[in-house]
Amino acid sequence: MATKHFDKGSQARISSTGQIVEVKRVSSHGFSVVRFKTGGDYMIMNDRLESIEKEEVKH
């Protein structure tokens, strides 16, 4: 199993729902605290999150 790495302040997607959340805190024990756009901070396992690749802007 590959270890997922998230940075504080970055955005991630919840695999099961597709919701975009902000990563508030990251634990070395395999979970993160995320904030939903509607409010509220929740703990979630890192394997339930997907990193969001930022697309390069071409002018």
C-alpha atoms as a PDB file:
ATOM      1  CA  MET A   1       0.000   0.000   0.000  1.00  0.00           C
ATOM      2  CA  ALA A   2       1.401   3.381  -0.993  1.00  0.00           C
ATOM      3  CA  THR A   3       1.637   6.039   1.686  1.00  0.00           C
ATOM      4  CA  LYS A   4      -0.289   9.172   0.826  1.00  0.00           C
ATOM      5  CA  HIS A   5       1.219  12.491   1.808  1.00  0.00           C
ATOM      6  CA  PHE A   6      -0.822  15.632   2.331  1.00  0.00           C
ATOM      7  CA  ASP A   7       0.417  19.095   3.225  1.00  0.00           C
ATOM      8  CA  LYS A   8      -1.225  21.414   5.721  1.00  0.00           C
ATOM      9  CA  GLY A   9      -3.328  23.974   3.855  1.00  0.00           C
ATOM     10  CA  SER A  10      -3.640  21.915   0.678  1.00  0.00           C
ATOM     11  CA  GLN A  11      -6.877  20.635  -0.784  1.00  0.00           C
ATOM     12  CA  ALA A  12      -7.929  17.007  -1.085  1.00  0.00           C
ATOM     13  CA  ARG A  13     -10.937  15.085  -2.379  1.00  0.00           C
ATOM     14  CA  ILE A  14     -12.883  12.543  -0.325  1.00  0.00           C
ATOM     15  CA  SER A  15     -12.843   9.343  -2.394  1.00  0.00           C
ATOM     16  CA  SER A  16     -16.365   8.169  -1.590  1.00  0.00           C
ATOM     17  CA  THR A  17     -18.230  11.472  -2.046  1.00  0.00           C
ATOM     18  CA  GLY A  18     -16.020  13.594  -4.291  1.00  0.00           C
ATOM     19  CA  GLN A  19     -16.186  16.529  -1.865  1.00  0.00           C
ATOM     20  CA  ILE A  20     -13.255  18.930  -1.832  1.00  0.00           C
ATOM     21  CA  VAL A  21     -11.879  19.649   1.641  1.00  0.00           C
ATOM     22  CA  GLU A  22      -9.006  21.698   3.070  1.00  0.00           C
ATOM     23  CA  VAL A  23      -6.355  19.790   5.018  1.00  0.00           C
ATOM     24  CA  LYS A  24      -5.935  21.500   8.399  1.00  0.00           C
ATOM     25  CA  ARG A  25      -3.622  19.044  10.202  1.00  0.00           C
ATOM     26  CA  VAL A  26      -1.765  15.895   9.207  1.00  0.00           C
ATOM     27  CA  SER A  27      -0.845  13.116  11.629  1.00  0.00           C
ATOM     28  CA  SER A  28       1.979  10.642  11.223  1.00  0.00           C
ATOM     29  CA  HIS A  29      -0.511   7.952  12.335  1.00  0.00           C
ATOM     30  CA  GLY A  30      -2.428   7.832   9.045  1.00  0.00           C
ATOM     31  CA  PHE A  31      -5.180  10.400   9.481  1.00  0.00           C
ATOM     32  CA  SER A  32      -5.783  14.072   8.795  1.00  0.00           C
ATOM     33  CA  VAL A  33      -8.068  16.773  10.139  1.00  0.00           C
ATOM     34  CA  VAL A  34      -9.984  18.340   7.278  1.00  0.00           C
ATOM     35  CA  ARG A  35     -12.364  21.281   7.006  1.00  0.00           C
ATOM     36  CA  PHE A  36     -15.462  21.131   4.843  1.00  0.00           C
ATOM     37  CA  LYS A  37     -16.551  24.187   2.832  1.00  0.00           C
ATOM     38  CA  THR A  38     -19.828  24.159   4.779  1.00  0.00           C
ATOM     39  CA  GLY A  39     -17.877  24.370   8.042  1.00  0.00           C
ATOM     40  CA  GLY A  40     -16.660  21.973  10.659  1.00  0.00           C
ATOM     41  CA  ASP A  41     -13.396  20.115  11.198  1.00  0.00           C
ATOM     42  CA  TYR A  42     -13.345  16.318  11.085  1.00  0.00           C
ATOM     43  CA  MET A  43     -10.763  13.551  11.362  1.00  0.00           C
ATOM     44  CA  ILE A  44     -10.537  11.250   8.359  1.00  0.00           C
ATOM     45  CA  MET A  45      -8.187   8.426   7.406  1.00  0.00           C
ATOM     46  CA  ASN A  46      -5.645   9.385   4.732  1.00  0.00           C
ATOM     47  CA  ASP A  47      -6.561   6.363   2.602  1.00  0.00           C
ATOM     48  CA  ARG A  48     -10.061   7.880   2.211  1.00  0.00           C
ATOM     49  CA  LEU A  49      -8.541  11.028   0.664  1.00  0.00           C
ATOM     50  CA  GLU A  50      -7.214  11.673  -2.833  1.00  0.00           C
ATOM     51  CA  SER A  51      -4.742  14.413  -3.622  1.00  0.00           C
ATOM     52  CA  ILE A  52      -5.839  16.987  -6.163  1.00  0.00           C
ATOM     53  CA  GLU A  53      -3.464  17.589  -9.031  1.00  0.00           C
ATOM     54  CA  LYS A  54      -3.321  21.244  -9.929  1.00  0.00           C
ATOM     55  CA  GLU A  55      -3.597  21.854 -13.652  1.00  0.00           C
ATOM     56  CA  GLU A  56      -1.050  24.098 -15.259  1.00  0.00           C
ATOM     57  CA  VAL A  57      -2.509  27.282 -16.701  1.00  0.00           C
ATOM     58  CA  LYS A  58      -1.530  27.843 -20.310  1.00  0.00           C
ATOM     59  CA  HIS A  59      -1.819  31.317 -21.773  1.00  0.00           C
END
